C-alpha atoms as a PDB file:
ATOM      1  CA  MET A   1     162.607 -59.604 116.048  1.00  0.00           C
ATOM      2  CA  LYS A   2     165.143 -58.976 113.415  1.00  0.00           C
ATOM      3  CA  ARG A   3     168.562 -60.897 113.126  1.00  0.00           C
ATOM      4  CA  VAL A   4     170.806 -57.995 111.920  1.00  0.00           C
ATOM      5  CA  TYR A   5     171.058 -54.838 114.135  1.00  0.00           C
ATOM      6  CA  LEU A   6     173.130 -51.998 112.502  1.00  0.00           C
ATOM      7  CA  LEU A   7     173.734 -48.790 114.477  1.00  0.00           C
ATOM      8  CA  SER A   8     173.945 -45.647 112.593  1.00  0.00           C
ATOM      9  CA  GLY A   9     174.744 -42.060 113.627  1.00  0.00           C
ATOM     10  CA  LYS A  10     177.245 -39.202 113.291  1.00  0.00           C
ATOM     11  CA  PRO A  11     180.829 -39.783 113.897  1.00  0.00           C
ATOM     12  CA  GLY A  12     181.616 -39.610 117.687  1.00  0.00           C
ATOM     13  CA  SER A  13     178.117 -40.606 118.658  1.00  0.00           C
ATOM     14  CA  GLY A  14     179.257 -43.778 120.432  1.00  0.00           C
ATOM     15  CA  LYS A  15     178.503 -46.592 118.031  1.00  0.00           C
ATOM     16  CA  THR A  16     181.624 -48.632 118.590  1.00  0.00           C
ATOM     17  CA  THR A  17     181.528 -47.826 122.276  1.00  0.00           C
ATOM     18  CA  ILE A  18     178.079 -49.447 122.461  1.00  0.00           C
ATOM     19  CA  ILE A  19     179.132 -52.499 120.625  1.00  0.00           C
ATOM     20  CA  LYS A  20     182.113 -52.982 122.926  1.00  0.00           C
ATOM     21  CA  GLU A  21     180.010 -52.512 125.931  1.00  0.00           C
ATOM     22  CA  VAL A  22     177.327 -54.924 124.830  1.00  0.00           C
ATOM     23  CA  LEU A  23     179.826 -57.591 123.827  1.00  0.00           C
ATOM     24  CA  SER A  24     181.614 -57.279 127.310  1.00  0.00           C
ATOM     25  CA  ARG A  25     178.321 -58.027 128.932  1.00  0.00           C
ATOM     26  CA  VAL A  26     176.711 -60.732 126.806  1.00  0.00           C
ATOM     27  CA  GLY A  27     177.464 -64.362 127.130  1.00  0.00           C
ATOM     28  CA  ARG A  28     177.682 -65.336 123.581  1.00  0.00           C
ATOM     29  CA  SER A  29     180.615 -65.852 121.421  1.00  0.00           C
ATOM     30  CA  ALA A  30     181.354 -63.244 118.897  1.00  0.00           C
ATOM     31  CA  GLY A  31     183.630 -62.670 116.116  1.00  0.00           C
ATOM     32  CA  GLY A  32     184.449 -60.074 113.386  1.00  0.00           C
ATOM     33  CA  PHE A  33     186.018 -56.627 113.864  1.00  0.00           C
ATOM     34  CA  TYR A  34     185.662 -53.158 114.990  1.00  0.00           C
ATOM     35  CA  THR A  35     187.539 -50.026 113.942  1.00  0.00           C
ATOM     36  CA  GLU A  36     189.308 -47.338 115.980  1.00  0.00           C
ATOM     37  CA  GLU A  37     191.081 -44.086 115.327  1.00  0.00           C
ATOM     38  CA  ILE A  38     194.923 -43.908 115.034  1.00  0.00           C
ATOM     39  CA  ARG A  39     195.956 -40.678 116.803  1.00  0.00           C
ATOM     40  CA  ASP A  40     199.343 -39.083 117.140  1.00  0.00           C
ATOM     41  CA  ARG A  41     199.680 -36.245 119.638  1.00  0.00           C
ATOM     42  CA  GLY A  42     195.883 -36.029 119.798  1.00  0.00           C
ATOM     43  CA  VAL A  43     195.593 -35.706 116.056  1.00  0.00           C
ATOM     44  CA  ARG A  44     193.598 -38.341 114.189  1.00  0.00           C
ATOM     45  CA  GLN A  45     196.026 -39.804 111.465  1.00  0.00           C
ATOM     46  CA  GLY A  46     193.926 -42.743 110.294  1.00  0.00           C
ATOM     47  CA  PHE A  47     191.954 -45.823 111.352  1.00  0.00           C
ATOM     48  CA  ARG A  48     192.738 -49.348 112.363  1.00  0.00           C
ATOM     49  CA  ILE A  49     190.872 -52.616 112.046  1.00  0.00           C
ATOM     50  CA  ILE A  50     190.922 -54.758 115.227  1.00  0.00           C
ATOM     51  CA  THR A  51     189.492 -58.209 115.056  1.00  0.00           C
ATOM     52  CA  LEU A  52     187.761 -59.733 118.124  1.00  0.00           C
ATOM     53  CA  ASP A  53     190.445 -62.454 118.167  1.00  0.00           C
ATOM     54  CA  GLY A  54     193.164 -59.918 118.429  1.00  0.00           C
ATOM     55  CA  ASN A  55     194.572 -59.242 115.006  1.00  0.00           C
ATOM     56  CA  ASP A  56     194.843 -55.641 113.780  1.00  0.00           C
ATOM     57  CA  ALA A  57     195.887 -53.804 110.583  1.00  0.00           C
ATOM     58  CA  THR A  58     195.726 -50.252 109.267  1.00  0.00           C
ATOM     59  CA  LEU A  59     192.491 -49.514 107.516  1.00  0.00           C
ATOM     60  CA  ALA A  60     193.356 -45.984 106.345  1.00  0.00           C
ATOM     61  CA  HIS A  61     196.003 -43.431 107.019  1.00  0.00           C
ATOM     62  CA  VAL A  62     197.068 -39.964 105.892  1.00  0.00           C
ATOM     63  CA  SER A  63     200.509 -41.589 104.805  1.00  0.00           C
ATOM     64  CA  ILE A  64     198.995 -44.269 102.648  1.00  0.00           C
ATOM     65  CA  PRO A  65     199.443 -43.500  98.901  1.00  0.00           C
ATOM     66  CA  SER A  66     196.377 -45.336  97.815  1.00  0.00           C
ATOM     67  CA  PRO A  67     194.010 -44.737  94.720  1.00  0.00           C
ATOM     68  CA  TYR A  68     191.155 -45.338  97.251  1.00  0.00           C
ATOM     69  CA  ARG A  69     190.686 -42.186  99.232  1.00  0.00           C
ATOM     70  CA  VAL A  70     188.146 -40.789 101.810  1.00  0.00           C
ATOM     71  CA  SER A  71     189.059 -37.246 102.528  1.00  0.00           C
ATOM     72  CA  LYS A  72     192.735 -37.087 103.422  1.00  0.00           C
ATOM     73  CA  TYR A  73     193.011 -40.825 104.129  1.00  0.00           C
ATOM     74  CA  GLY A  74     194.368 -43.381 101.796  1.00  0.00           C
ATOM     75  CA  VAL A  75     192.547 -46.704 102.282  1.00  0.00           C
ATOM     76  CA  ASP A  76     194.391 -50.100 102.408  1.00  0.00           C
ATOM     77  CA  VAL A  77     191.899 -52.280 100.581  1.00  0.00           C
ATOM     78  CA  GLY A  78     194.392 -55.291 101.013  1.00  0.00           C
ATOM     79  CA  ASN A  79     194.067 -54.907 104.770  1.00  0.00           C
ATOM     80  CA  ILE A  80     190.264 -54.967 104.558  1.00  0.00           C
ATOM     81  CA  ASN A  81     190.415 -58.112 102.330  1.00  0.00           C
ATOM     82  CA  GLU A  82     193.087 -59.951 104.456  1.00  0.00           C
ATOM     83  CA  VAL A  83     192.154 -58.930 108.051  1.00  0.00           C
ATOM     84  CA  ALA A  84     188.394 -57.702 108.180  1.00  0.00           C
ATOM     85  CA  VAL A  85     186.903 -60.093 105.642  1.00  0.00           C
ATOM     86  CA  PRO A  86     188.351 -63.377 107.093  1.00  0.00           C
ATOM     87  CA  SER A  87     187.240 -62.153 110.590  1.00  0.00           C
ATOM     88  CA  VAL A  88     183.666 -61.780 109.350  1.00  0.00           C
ATOM     89  CA  ARG A  89     183.742 -65.182 107.606  1.00  0.00           C
ATOM     90  CA  GLU A  90     185.290 -66.976 110.589  1.00  0.00           C
ATOM     91  CA  ALA A  91     182.435 -65.507 112.745  1.00  0.00           C
ATOM     92  CA  ILE A  92     179.745 -66.690 110.413  1.00  0.00           C
ATOM     93  CA  HIS A  93     180.992 -70.201 110.586  1.00  0.00           C
ATOM     94  CA  ASN A  94     182.131 -70.433 114.261  1.00  0.00           C
ATOM     95  CA  ARG A  95     180.525 -67.763 116.499  1.00  0.00           C
ATOM     96  CA  ASP A  96     177.026 -66.935 117.762  1.00  0.00           C
ATOM     97  CA  VAL A  97     177.283 -63.258 116.819  1.00  0.00           C
ATOM     98  CA  VAL A  98     179.037 -61.600 113.696  1.00  0.00           C
ATOM     99  CA  VAL A  99     180.379 -58.166 114.414  1.00  0.00           C
ATOM    100  CA  ILE A 100     180.988 -55.680 111.548  1.00  0.00           C
ATOM    101  CA  ASP A 101     182.082 -52.194 112.715  1.00  0.00           C
ATOM    102  CA  GLU A 102     181.790 -50.744 110.219  1.00  0.00           C
ATOM    103  CA  ILE A 103     180.014 -50.780 106.946  1.00  0.00           C
ATOM    104  CA  GLY A 104     181.363 -47.480 105.693  1.00  0.00           C
ATOM    105  CA  LYS A 105     182.816 -45.644 102.723  1.00  0.00           C
ATOM    106  CA  MET A 106     186.408 -46.989 103.369  1.00  0.00           C
ATOM    107  CA  GLU A 107     185.347 -50.595 103.714  1.00  0.00           C
ATOM    108  CA  LEU A 108     182.942 -50.402 100.717  1.00  0.00           C
ATOM    109  CA  PHE A 109     185.966 -50.000  98.285  1.00  0.00           C
ATOM    110  CA  SER A 110     186.355 -53.865  98.850  1.00  0.00           C
ATOM    111  CA  GLU A 111     184.143 -56.129  96.747  1.00  0.00           C
ATOM    112  CA  ALA A 112     185.117 -59.091  99.033  1.00  0.00           C
ATOM    113  CA  PHE A 113     183.927 -57.011 102.170  1.00  0.00           C
ATOM    114  CA  LYS A 114     180.623 -56.349 100.355  1.00  0.00           C
ATOM    115  CA  ASP A 115     180.311 -60.091  99.768  1.00  0.00           C
ATOM    116  CA  ALA A 116     181.170 -61.009 103.338  1.00  0.00           C
ATOM    117  CA  VAL A 117     178.522 -58.521 104.659  1.00  0.00           C
ATOM    118  CA  LEU A 118     175.855 -60.109 102.449  1.00  0.00           C
ATOM    119  CA  GLU A 119     177.043 -63.566 103.626  1.00  0.00           C
ATOM    120  CA  ALA A 120     176.714 -62.490 107.247  1.00  0.00           C
ATOM    121  CA  ILE A 121     173.225 -61.064 106.621  1.00  0.00           C
ATOM    122  CA  GLU A 122     172.097 -64.142 104.928  1.00  0.00           C
ATOM    123  CA  SER A 123     173.760 -66.551 107.268  1.00  0.00           C
ATOM    124  CA  GLY A 124     171.033 -66.807 109.937  1.00  0.00           C
ATOM    125  CA  LYS A 125     173.327 -65.660 112.596  1.00  0.00           C
ATOM    126  CA  LYS A 126     172.877 -62.552 114.659  1.00  0.00           C
ATOM    127  CA  VAL A 127     174.754 -59.695 113.049  1.00  0.00           C
ATOM    128  CA  LEU A 128     175.718 -56.571 115.082  1.00  0.00           C
ATOM    129  CA  GLY A 129     177.349 -53.737 113.323  1.00  0.00           C
ATOM    130  CA  THR A 130     177.473 -50.170 112.252  1.00  0.00           C
ATOM    131  CA  ILE A 131     176.484 -48.588 108.863  1.00  0.00           C
ATOM    132  CA  ILE A 132     177.259 -45.188 107.260  1.00  0.00           C
ATOM    133  CA  LEU A 133     174.602 -42.631 108.223  1.00  0.00           C
ATOM    134  CA  ALA A 134     175.020 -40.831 104.863  1.00  0.00           C
ATOM    135  CA  SER A 135     173.347 -42.170 101.636  1.00  0.00           C
ATOM    136  CA  HIS A 136     175.472 -44.630  99.725  1.00  0.00           C
ATOM    137  CA  PRO A 137     173.874 -46.736  96.955  1.00  0.00           C
ATOM    138  CA  TRP A 138     175.219 -50.065  98.191  1.00  0.00           C
ATOM    139  CA  ALA A 139     174.728 -49.350 101.957  1.00  0.00           C
ATOM    140  CA  ASP A 140     171.224 -47.991 101.286  1.00  0.00           C
ATOM    141  CA  GLY A 141     170.467 -51.483  99.805  1.00  0.00           C
ATOM    142  CA  VAL A 142     171.620 -53.171 102.975  1.00  0.00           C
ATOM    143  CA  LYS A 143     169.499 -50.771 105.156  1.00  0.00           C
ATOM    144  CA  ARG A 144     166.348 -51.707 103.144  1.00  0.00           C
ATOM    145  CA  ARG A 145     166.814 -55.465 103.647  1.00  0.00           C
ATOM    146  CA  VAL A 146     164.063 -57.124 105.606  1.00  0.00           C
ATOM    147  CA  GLU A 147     166.442 -58.765 108.005  1.00  0.00           C
ATOM    148  CA  VAL A 148     168.020 -55.558 109.027  1.00  0.00           C
ATOM    149  CA  GLU A 149     166.992 -53.075 111.682  1.00  0.00           C
ATOM    150  CA  ILE A 150     168.686 -49.770 111.735  1.00  0.00           C
ATOM    151  CA  ILE A 151     169.193 -48.258 115.197  1.00  0.00           C
ATOM    152  CA  PRO A 152     169.864 -44.512 115.370  1.00  0.00           C
ATOM    153  CA  VAL A 153     172.566 -43.552 117.875  1.00  0.00           C
ATOM    154  CA  ALA A 154     173.122 -40.222 119.480  1.00  0.00           C
ATOM    155  CA  ARG A 155     174.937 -39.117 122.648  1.00  0.00           C
ATOM    156  CA  ASP A 156     171.645 -39.012 124.554  1.00  0.00           C
ATOM    157  CA  ASN A 157     170.232 -42.503 123.792  1.00  0.00           C
ATOM    158  CA  GLN A 158     173.212 -44.720 124.354  1.00  0.00           C
ATOM    159  CA  HIS A 159     171.755 -46.344 127.484  1.00  0.00           C
ATOM    160  CA  GLU A 160     168.499 -47.145 125.726  1.00  0.00           C
ATOM    161  CA  VAL A 161     170.388 -48.737 122.713  1.00  0.00           C
ATOM    162  CA  ILE A 162     172.549 -50.817 125.012  1.00  0.00           C
ATOM    163  CA  LYS A 163     169.522 -52.137 126.876  1.00  0.00           C
ATOM    164  CA  ARG A 164     167.723 -52.820 123.605  1.00  0.00           C
ATOM    165  CA  LEU A 165     170.732 -54.753 122.191  1.00  0.00           C
ATOM    166  CA  MET A 166     171.208 -56.663 125.360  1.00  0.00           C
ATOM    167  CA  GLN A 167     167.648 -57.927 125.151  1.00  0.00           C
ATOM    168  CA  TRP A 168     168.077 -58.788 121.671  1.00  0.00           C
ATOM    169  CA  LEU A 169     171.312 -60.694 122.130  1.00  0.00           C
ATOM    170  CA  GLU A 170     169.913 -62.558 125.181  1.00  0.00           C
ATOM    171  CA  SER A 171     166.698 -63.702 123.355  1.00  0.00           C
END
């Protein structure tokens, strides 16, 4: 059984929902972060980093004038470095499970984030996360690592993925 399980699928396939569901059921301490959309009157304006210990920060937003851009969103690399990265490192040192949601285009602008992902993979801890579906040179290297199991997620297999992750985390 692998130590690192990374969910991959199209946007809206339920990856983050699965992670939250599994964490709510499992009796292990977890740290790290997940991401969620920022919406205004039903329109997506950006994305927020939310740590499992309750901190949050803007990851990307239409109003951020950043040189780092994904589509219409300016990415706040400082917030990745100051909020997401420390949450991953804290989990590596003090928790049973490291949560990294997600390893995506926006997060990969940060070299410190890439370092933290590799530290988590090499830590010996269980790592539960999500990774970009599309090809990306750095992410593709992570996907090929021997410790990593990629789990495809679609709307019609969420129940099976949850069951598989629960068995893995309880083992």
